Amino acid sequence: MIIVNDDRLTDRVEYWSKLDDRLIRELSVTKTLRTPVNFIVHSVGEVNAGLSQGRYFFMDVARDGIAIYQAVDDELPEPQPKTPHAALEMAQEYFDEWFASGSEFLETAQFAQKRGWSKKAAFLLHQSVESYYHCALLTCAFYTPHVHNLAFLRTQAERIDLRLSEAWPRDTKADRSRFEKLKEAYIKARYSKHYRISDEELAWLGERVTVLAGIVETICRERIAQLSDTARKAG
């Protein structure tokens, strides 16, 4: 995690795209890296707010993180853990907001496909998947990275619950290629005249997004039930 002192510096495209390219090159070309490396960027204000709100991710970073480089010697503020009732309320709010968002994007994508708007349908499916992953991450961990990269979000979400991996078959090149086309839809489906996606690919992706939605709903409701039980015992 990279912590910056200005909100503007969290813009991944504007300030960090070269680092993305460098990490990929060091892994796949020069072989300097043996393990894939991902990074996230937050402003110090976001980190401090996360700690004051008791968000588990930032609390883990403050407790277990090792500083590799610091431009200043400022210490992170003391984390403030959530009460059980506050955790339940926040999880329910996240689920209600983000699951509904994913479902709305999915339904709109299905409408767009029926009208023959294939590029728009692909973009809307991307937004649906992004929303579902944000739903799972926020409901279960109270944190989600501010990125649109579905592969990165998928990795983060599957670390929370391996059942999420069932949404995307990866055994064949065709399956992996279809997911890659969905990942690219965030930019290319809107701005590239060369982006193409077939009805068959859209149909397959739509089916997998529906599967993803079902898994996300299951794990989120389980998490909310767990939090509800904890809050009830706390009185």
C-alpha atoms as a PDB file:
ATOM      1  CA  MET A   1       0.000   0.000   0.000  1.00  0.00           C
ATOM      2  CA  ILE A   2       1.267   3.444  -0.990  1.00  0.00           C
ATOM      3  CA  ILE A   3       0.123   6.334   1.214  1.00  0.00           C
ATOM      4  CA  VAL A   4       0.311   9.810  -0.345  1.00  0.00           C
ATOM      5  CA  ASN A   5      -0.263  13.229   1.192  1.00  0.00           C
ATOM      6  CA  ASP A   6      -2.527  14.624  -1.551  1.00  0.00           C
ATOM      7  CA  ASP A   7      -5.815  13.181  -2.810  1.00  0.00           C
ATOM      8  CA  ARG A   8      -4.839  14.003  -6.394  1.00  0.00           C
ATOM      9  CA  LEU A   9      -1.901  11.599  -6.188  1.00  0.00           C
ATOM     10  CA  THR A  10      -4.264   8.631  -5.775  1.00  0.00           C
ATOM     11  CA  ASP A  11      -5.199   8.829  -9.477  1.00  0.00           C
ATOM     12  CA  ARG A  12      -3.857   5.495 -10.707  1.00  0.00           C
ATOM     13  CA  VAL A  13      -3.985   6.325 -14.417  1.00  0.00           C
ATOM     14  CA  GLU A  14      -2.426   9.773 -14.047  1.00  0.00           C
ATOM     15  CA  TYR A  15       0.400   8.938 -11.658  1.00  0.00           C
ATOM     16  CA  TRP A  16       0.904   5.182 -11.349  1.00  0.00           C
ATOM     17  CA  SER A  17       0.429   3.569 -14.781  1.00  0.00           C
ATOM     18  CA  LYS A  18       4.197   3.395 -15.378  1.00  0.00           C
ATOM     19  CA  LEU A  19       4.649   1.506 -12.128  1.00  0.00           C
ATOM     20  CA  ASP A  20       1.998  -0.987 -13.246  1.00  0.00           C
ATOM     21  CA  ASP A  21       3.917  -1.521 -16.498  1.00  0.00           C
ATOM     22  CA  ARG A  22       7.246  -1.789 -14.663  1.00  0.00           C
ATOM     23  CA  LEU A  23       5.997  -4.489 -12.286  1.00  0.00           C
ATOM     24  CA  ILE A  24       4.575  -6.512 -15.176  1.00  0.00           C
ATOM     25  CA  ARG A  25       7.866  -6.215 -17.108  1.00  0.00           C
ATOM     26  CA  GLU A  26       9.992  -7.180 -14.114  1.00  0.00           C
ATOM     27  CA  LEU A  27       7.858 -10.302 -13.636  1.00  0.00           C
ATOM     28  CA  SER A  28       7.358 -11.457 -17.216  1.00  0.00           C
ATOM     29  CA  VAL A  29      10.387 -10.120 -19.122  1.00  0.00           C
ATOM     30  CA  THR A  30      13.407  -9.494 -16.893  1.00  0.00           C
ATOM     31  CA  LYS A  31      12.346 -12.104 -14.293  1.00  0.00           C
ATOM     32  CA  THR A  32      13.588  -9.815 -11.516  1.00  0.00           C
ATOM     33  CA  LEU A  33      10.363 -10.568  -9.671  1.00  0.00           C
ATOM     34  CA  ARG A  34       9.344 -14.161  -9.036  1.00  0.00           C
ATOM     35  CA  THR A  35       5.938 -13.361  -7.539  1.00  0.00           C
ATOM     36  CA  PRO A  36       3.244 -11.066  -9.006  1.00  0.00           C
ATOM     37  CA  VAL A  37       3.142  -7.737  -7.178  1.00  0.00           C
ATOM     38  CA  ASN A  38       0.074  -5.526  -6.946  1.00  0.00           C
ATOM     39  CA  PHE A  39      -0.266  -2.201  -5.210  1.00  0.00           C
ATOM     40  CA  ILE A  40      -2.983   0.161  -4.031  1.00  0.00           C
ATOM     41  CA  VAL A  41      -2.771   3.889  -3.379  1.00  0.00           C
ATOM     42  CA  HIS A  42      -4.581   5.805  -0.625  1.00  0.00           C
ATOM     43  CA  SER A  43      -4.308   9.325   0.678  1.00  0.00           C
ATOM     44  CA  VAL A  44      -3.299   9.794   4.291  1.00  0.00           C
ATOM     45  CA  GLY A  45      -6.783  11.212   4.875  1.00  0.00           C
ATOM     46  CA  GLU A  46      -8.378   7.998   3.642  1.00  0.00           C
ATOM     47  CA  VAL A  47      -6.105   5.913   5.846  1.00  0.00           C
ATOM     48  CA  ASN A  48      -6.795   8.038   8.919  1.00  0.00           C
ATOM     49  CA  ALA A  49     -10.539   7.926   8.241  1.00  0.00           C
ATOM     50  CA  GLY A  50     -10.385   4.147   7.826  1.00  0.00           C
ATOM     51  CA  LEU A  51      -8.614   3.773  11.148  1.00  0.00           C
ATOM     52  CA  SER A  52     -11.039   6.079  12.939  1.00  0.00           C
ATOM     53  CA  GLN A  53     -13.972   4.102  11.505  1.00  0.00           C
ATOM     54  CA  GLY A  54     -12.481   0.770  12.494  1.00  0.00           C
ATOM     55  CA  ARG A  55     -12.116  -0.622   8.967  1.00  0.00           C
ATOM     56  CA  TYR A  56     -10.427  -3.981   9.301  1.00  0.00           C
ATOM     57  CA  PHE A  57      -8.067  -3.601   6.340  1.00  0.00           C
ATOM     58  CA  PHE A  58      -6.516  -0.362   7.593  1.00  0.00           C
ATOM     59  CA  MET A  59      -6.371  -1.730  11.131  1.00  0.00           C
ATOM     60  CA  ASP A  60      -4.421  -4.745   9.847  1.00  0.00           C
ATOM     61  CA  VAL A  61      -2.022  -2.467   7.981  1.00  0.00           C
ATOM     62  CA  ALA A  62      -1.469  -0.289  11.052  1.00  0.00           C
ATOM     63  CA  ARG A  63      -0.898  -3.351  13.238  1.00  0.00           C
ATOM     64  CA  ASP A  64       1.110  -5.639  10.966  1.00  0.00           C
ATOM     65  CA  GLY A  65       2.423  -3.461   8.138  1.00  0.00           C
ATOM     66  CA  ILE A  66       6.154  -2.938   7.658  1.00  0.00           C
ATOM     67  CA  ALA A  67       7.243   0.451   6.308  1.00  0.00           C
ATOM     68  CA  ILE A  68       9.577   0.011   3.345  1.00  0.00           C
ATOM     69  CA  TYR A  69      10.046   3.727   2.750  1.00  0.00           C
ATOM     70  CA  GLN A  70       8.804   6.842   4.561  1.00  0.00           C
ATOM     71  CA  ALA A  71       9.293  10.420   3.394  1.00  0.00           C
ATOM     72  CA  VAL A  72       8.162  11.648   6.810  1.00  0.00           C
ATOM     73  CA  ASP A  73       8.193  10.032  10.231  1.00  0.00           C
ATOM     74  CA  ASP A  74       4.525  10.617  11.057  1.00  0.00           C
ATOM     75  CA  GLU A  75       2.863   7.727  12.850  1.00  0.00           C
ATOM     76  CA  LEU A  76      -0.566   6.413  11.924  1.00  0.00           C
ATOM     77  CA  PRO A  77      -3.283   7.241  14.465  1.00  0.00           C
ATOM     78  CA  GLU A  78      -4.479   4.635  16.930  1.00  0.00           C
ATOM     79  CA  PRO A  79      -7.139   2.372  15.354  1.00  0.00           C
ATOM     80  CA  GLN A  80     -10.673   2.594  16.742  1.00  0.00           C
ATOM     81  CA  PRO A  81     -12.347  -0.844  16.491  1.00  0.00           C
ATOM     82  CA  LYS A  82     -16.035  -0.920  15.594  1.00  0.00           C
ATOM     83  CA  THR A  83     -18.668  -1.979  18.059  1.00  0.00           C
ATOM     84  CA  PRO A  84     -20.519  -5.172  17.004  1.00  0.00           C
ATOM     85  CA  HIS A  85     -23.684  -3.166  16.297  1.00  0.00           C
ATOM     86  CA  ALA A  86     -21.806  -0.612  14.189  1.00  0.00           C
ATOM     87  CA  ALA A  87     -20.146  -3.406  12.196  1.00  0.00           C
ATOM     88  CA  LEU A  88     -23.517  -5.046  11.507  1.00  0.00           C
ATOM     89  CA  GLU A  89     -25.085  -1.776  10.406  1.00  0.00           C
ATOM     90  CA  MET A  90     -22.209  -0.942   8.072  1.00  0.00           C
ATOM     91  CA  ALA A  91     -22.136  -4.419   6.506  1.00  0.00           C
ATOM     92  CA  GLN A  92     -25.877  -4.304   5.845  1.00  0.00           C
ATOM     93  CA  GLU A  93     -25.607  -0.857   4.261  1.00  0.00           C
ATOM     94  CA  TYR A  94     -22.769  -1.969   2.007  1.00  0.00           C
ATOM     95  CA  PHE A  95     -24.660  -5.075   0.918  1.00  0.00           C
ATOM     96  CA  ASP A  96     -27.894  -3.219   0.211  1.00  0.00           C
ATOM     97  CA  GLU A  97     -26.116  -0.581  -1.869  1.00  0.00           C
ATOM     98  CA  TRP A  98     -23.627  -2.616  -3.873  1.00  0.00           C
ATOM     99  CA  PHE A  99     -25.635  -5.772  -4.520  1.00  0.00           C
ATOM    100  CA  ALA A 100     -28.486  -3.667  -5.880  1.00  0.00           C
ATOM    101  CA  SER A 101     -25.993  -1.778  -8.050  1.00  0.00           C
ATOM    102  CA  GLY A 102     -24.610  -5.020  -9.500  1.00  0.00           C
ATOM    103  CA  SER A 103     -28.101  -6.317 -10.236  1.00  0.00           C
ATOM    104  CA  GLU A 104     -29.125  -3.073 -11.935  1.00  0.00           C
ATOM    105  CA  PHE A 105     -26.071  -3.124 -14.187  1.00  0.00           C
ATOM    106  CA  LEU A 106     -26.711  -6.795 -15.036  1.00  0.00           C
ATOM    107  CA  GLU A 107     -30.339  -6.190 -15.929  1.00  0.00           C
ATOM    108  CA  THR A 108     -29.417  -3.170 -18.048  1.00  0.00           C
ATOM    109  CA  ALA A 109     -26.697  -5.199 -19.805  1.00  0.00           C
ATOM    110  CA  GLN A 110     -29.253  -7.856 -20.702  1.00  0.00           C
ATOM    111  CA  PHE A 111     -31.512  -5.176 -22.151  1.00  0.00           C
ATOM    112  CA  ALA A 112     -28.624  -3.700 -24.157  1.00  0.00           C
ATOM    113  CA  GLN A 113     -27.732  -7.110 -25.573  1.00  0.00           C
ATOM    114  CA  LYS A 114     -31.307  -7.682 -26.701  1.00  0.00           C
ATOM    115  CA  ARG A 115     -31.193  -4.361 -28.539  1.00  0.00           C
ATOM    116  CA  GLY A 116     -27.952  -5.350 -30.237  1.00  0.00           C
ATOM    117  CA  TRP A 117     -25.816  -2.845 -28.352  1.00  0.00           C
ATOM    118  CA  SER A 118     -22.998  -5.307 -27.827  1.00  0.00           C
ATOM    119  CA  LYS A 119     -20.258  -2.885 -26.732  1.00  0.00           C
ATOM    120  CA  LYS A 120     -22.568  -1.157 -24.279  1.00  0.00           C
ATOM    121  CA  ALA A 121     -23.675  -4.566 -22.963  1.00  0.00           C
ATOM    122  CA  ALA A 122     -20.029  -5.557 -22.394  1.00  0.00           C
ATOM    123  CA  PHE A 123     -19.304  -2.347 -20.494  1.00  0.00           C
ATOM    124  CA  LEU A 124     -22.410  -2.792 -18.336  1.00  0.00           C
ATOM    125  CA  LEU A 125     -21.435  -6.390 -17.555  1.00  0.00           C
ATOM    126  CA  HIS A 126     -18.041  -5.091 -16.464  1.00  0.00           C
ATOM    127  CA  GLN A 127     -19.757  -2.609 -14.145  1.00  0.00           C
ATOM    128  CA  SER A 128     -21.972  -5.362 -12.779  1.00  0.00           C
ATOM    129  CA  VAL A 129     -18.997  -7.569 -11.916  1.00  0.00           C
ATOM    130  CA  GLU A 130     -17.135  -4.625 -10.409  1.00  0.00           C
ATOM    131  CA  SER A 131     -20.144  -3.837  -8.202  1.00  0.00           C
ATOM    132  CA  TYR A 132     -20.514  -7.442  -7.058  1.00  0.00           C
ATOM    133  CA  TYR A 133     -16.846  -7.643  -6.096  1.00  0.00           C
ATOM    134  CA  HIS A 134     -17.071  -4.337  -4.232  1.00  0.00           C
ATOM    135  CA  CYS A 135     -20.140  -5.745  -2.483  1.00  0.00           C
ATOM    136  CA  ALA A 136     -18.303  -8.848  -1.312  1.00  0.00           C
ATOM    137  CA  LEU A 137     -15.191  -6.968  -0.215  1.00  0.00           C
ATOM    138  CA  LEU A 138     -17.008  -4.194   1.611  1.00  0.00           C
ATOM    139  CA  THR A 139     -19.577  -6.419   3.295  1.00  0.00           C
ATOM    140  CA  CYS A 140     -17.081  -9.029   4.429  1.00  0.00           C
ATOM    141  CA  ALA A 141     -13.951  -6.942   5.024  1.00  0.00           C
ATOM    142  CA  PHE A 142     -15.166  -3.315   5.131  1.00  0.00           C
ATOM    143  CA  TYR A 143     -12.631  -2.437   2.455  1.00  0.00           C
ATOM    144  CA  THR A 144     -12.299  -2.435  -1.314  1.00  0.00           C
ATOM    145  CA  PRO A 145      -9.485  -1.009  -3.455  1.00  0.00           C
ATOM    146  CA  HIS A 146     -10.376   1.970  -5.663  1.00  0.00           C
ATOM    147  CA  VAL A 147      -9.634   0.207  -8.959  1.00  0.00           C
ATOM    148  CA  HIS A 148     -11.572  -0.923 -12.021  1.00  0.00           C
ATOM    149  CA  ASN A 149      -9.268  -3.824 -12.873  1.00  0.00           C
ATOM    150  CA  LEU A 150     -11.503  -6.904 -12.619  1.00  0.00           C
ATOM    151  CA  ALA A 151      -8.580  -9.316 -12.402  1.00  0.00           C
ATOM    152  CA  PHE A 152      -7.215  -7.455  -9.383  1.00  0.00           C
ATOM    153  CA  LEU A 153     -10.642  -7.211  -7.747  1.00  0.00           C
ATOM    154  CA  ARG A 154     -11.240 -10.901  -8.423  1.00  0.00           C
ATOM    155  CA  THR A 155      -7.974 -11.818  -6.705  1.00  0.00           C
ATOM    156  CA  GLN A 156      -8.771  -9.681  -3.671  1.00  0.00           C
ATOM    157  CA  ALA A 157     -12.302 -11.071  -3.359  1.00  0.00           C
ATOM    158  CA  GLU A 158     -11.281 -14.706  -3.782  1.00  0.00           C
ATOM    159  CA  ARG A 159      -8.846 -14.304  -0.904  1.00  0.00           C
ATOM    160  CA  ILE A 160     -11.858 -13.600   1.290  1.00  0.00           C
ATOM    161  CA  ASP A 161     -13.849 -16.623   0.127  1.00  0.00           C
ATOM    162  CA  LEU A 162     -12.641 -19.268  -2.328  1.00  0.00           C
ATOM    163  CA  ARG A 163     -16.197 -20.005  -3.401  1.00  0.00           C
ATOM    164  CA  LEU A 164     -16.003 -16.875  -5.538  1.00  0.00           C
ATOM    165  CA  SER A 165     -13.498 -18.631  -7.822  1.00  0.00           C
ATOM    166  CA  GLU A 166     -16.307 -20.908  -9.006  1.00  0.00           C
ATOM    167  CA  ALA A 167     -17.793 -18.029 -11.001  1.00  0.00           C
ATOM    168  CA  TRP A 168     -15.018 -18.011 -13.588  1.00  0.00           C
ATOM    169  CA  PRO A 169     -13.819 -21.250 -15.231  1.00  0.00           C
ATOM    170  CA  ARG A 170     -10.122 -20.971 -16.112  1.00  0.00           C
ATOM    171  CA  ASP A 171      -9.293 -24.393 -17.531  1.00  0.00           C
ATOM    172  CA  THR A 172      -9.457 -23.399 -21.187  1.00  0.00           C
ATOM    173  CA  LYS A 173      -7.919 -20.563 -23.160  1.00  0.00           C
ATOM    174  CA  ALA A 174     -11.374 -19.614 -24.431  1.00  0.00           C
ATOM    175  CA  ASP A 175     -12.684 -19.130 -20.886  1.00  0.00           C
ATOM    176  CA  ARG A 176      -9.704 -16.984 -19.933  1.00  0.00           C
ATOM    177  CA  SER A 177     -10.003 -14.963 -23.144  1.00  0.00           C
ATOM    178  CA  ARG A 178     -13.663 -14.176 -22.495  1.00  0.00           C
ATOM    179  CA  PHE A 179     -12.869 -12.885 -19.021  1.00  0.00           C
ATOM    180  CA  GLU A 180     -10.025 -10.815 -20.465  1.00  0.00           C
ATOM    181  CA  LYS A 181     -12.430  -9.306 -22.994  1.00  0.00           C
ATOM    182  CA  LEU A 182     -14.771  -8.404 -20.145  1.00  0.00           C
ATOM    183  CA  LYS A 183     -11.863  -6.830 -18.218  1.00  0.00           C
ATOM    184  CA  GLU A 184     -10.936  -4.731 -21.246  1.00  0.00           C
ATOM    185  CA  ALA A 185     -14.516  -3.540 -21.713  1.00  0.00           C
ATOM    186  CA  TYR A 186     -14.140  -0.794 -19.111  1.00  0.00           C
ATOM    187  CA  ILE A 187     -11.986   1.226 -21.541  1.00  0.00           C
ATOM    188  CA  LYS A 188     -12.154  -0.386 -24.951  1.00  0.00           C
ATOM    189  CA  ALA A 189     -15.919  -0.968 -25.154  1.00  0.00           C
ATOM    190  CA  ARG A 190     -16.401   2.766 -24.697  1.00  0.00           C
ATOM    191  CA  TYR A 191     -13.501   4.274 -26.594  1.00  0.00           C
ATOM    192  CA  SER A 192     -12.058   1.797 -29.112  1.00  0.00           C
ATOM    193  CA  LYS A 193     -13.660   1.290 -32.509  1.00  0.00           C
ATOM    194  CA  HIS A 194     -11.746  -1.991 -32.756  1.00  0.00           C
ATOM    195  CA  TYR A 195     -13.379  -3.624 -29.727  1.00  0.00           C
ATOM    196  CA  ARG A 196     -15.559  -6.560 -30.777  1.00  0.00           C
ATOM    197  CA  ILE A 197     -17.576  -9.015 -28.735  1.00  0.00           C
ATOM    198  CA  SER A 198     -19.977 -11.654 -30.067  1.00  0.00           C
ATOM    199  CA  ASP A 199     -23.465 -12.562 -28.871  1.00  0.00           C
ATOM    200  CA  GLU A 200     -22.099 -15.947 -27.806  1.00  0.00           C
ATOM    201  CA  GLU A 201     -19.404 -14.321 -25.692  1.00  0.00           C
ATOM    202  CA  LEU A 202     -21.913 -11.938 -24.131  1.00  0.00           C
ATOM    203  CA  ALA A 203     -24.265 -14.818 -23.363  1.00  0.00           C
ATOM    204  CA  TRP A 204     -21.484 -16.787 -21.657  1.00  0.00           C
ATOM    205  CA  LEU A 205     -20.342 -13.775 -19.679  1.00  0.00           C
ATOM    206  CA  GLY A 206     -23.910 -13.004 -18.641  1.00  0.00           C
ATOM    207  CA  GLU A 207     -24.318 -16.545 -17.316  1.00  0.00           C
ATOM    208  CA  ARG A 208     -21.089 -16.306 -15.320  1.00  0.00           C
ATOM    209  CA  VAL A 209     -22.050 -12.926 -13.866  1.00  0.00           C
ATOM    210  CA  THR A 210     -25.329 -14.455 -12.716  1.00  0.00           C
ATOM    211  CA  VAL A 211     -23.372 -17.235 -11.006  1.00  0.00           C
ATOM    212  CA  LEU A 212     -21.108 -14.653  -9.405  1.00  0.00           C
ATOM    213  CA  ALA A 213     -24.132 -12.741  -8.114  1.00  0.00           C
ATOM    214  CA  GLY A 214     -25.483 -15.868  -6.441  1.00  0.00           C
ATOM    215  CA  ILE A 215     -22.190 -16.623  -4.696  1.00  0.00           C
ATOM    216  CA  VAL A 216     -21.759 -13.013  -3.569  1.00  0.00           C
ATOM    217  CA  GLU A 217     -25.270 -12.964  -2.116  1.00  0.00           C
ATOM    218  CA  THR A 218     -24.630 -16.211  -0.231  1.00  0.00           C
ATOM    219  CA  ILE A 219     -21.338 -15.193   1.366  1.00  0.00           C
ATOM    220  CA  CYS A 220     -22.569 -11.692   2.206  1.00  0.00           C
ATOM    221  CA  ARG A 221     -25.730 -12.961   3.880  1.00  0.00           C
ATOM    222  CA  GLU A 222     -23.633 -15.441   5.845  1.00  0.00           C
ATOM    223  CA  ARG A 223     -21.357 -12.627   6.969  1.00  0.00           C
ATOM    224  CA  ILE A 224     -24.288 -10.424   7.981  1.00  0.00           C
ATOM    225  CA  ALA A 225     -25.833 -13.312   9.929  1.00  0.00           C
ATOM    226  CA  GLN A 226     -22.506 -13.819  11.720  1.00  0.00           C
ATOM    227  CA  LEU A 227     -22.280 -10.125  12.602  1.00  0.00           C
ATOM    228  CA  SER A 228     -25.899 -10.123  13.712  1.00  0.00           C
ATOM    229  CA  ASP A 229     -25.225 -13.044  16.056  1.00  0.00           C
ATOM    230  CA  THR A 230     -22.166 -11.251  17.483  1.00  0.00           C
ATOM    231  CA  ALA A 231     -24.156  -8.054  18.022  1.00  0.00           C
ATOM    232  CA  ARG A 232     -26.989  -9.966  19.699  1.00  0.00           C
ATOM    233  CA  LYS A 233     -24.585 -11.620  22.132  1.00  0.00           C
ATOM    234  CA  ALA A 234     -22.980  -8.260  22.875  1.00  0.00           C
ATOM    235  CA  GLY A 235     -26.379  -6.950  23.982  1.00  0.00           C
END
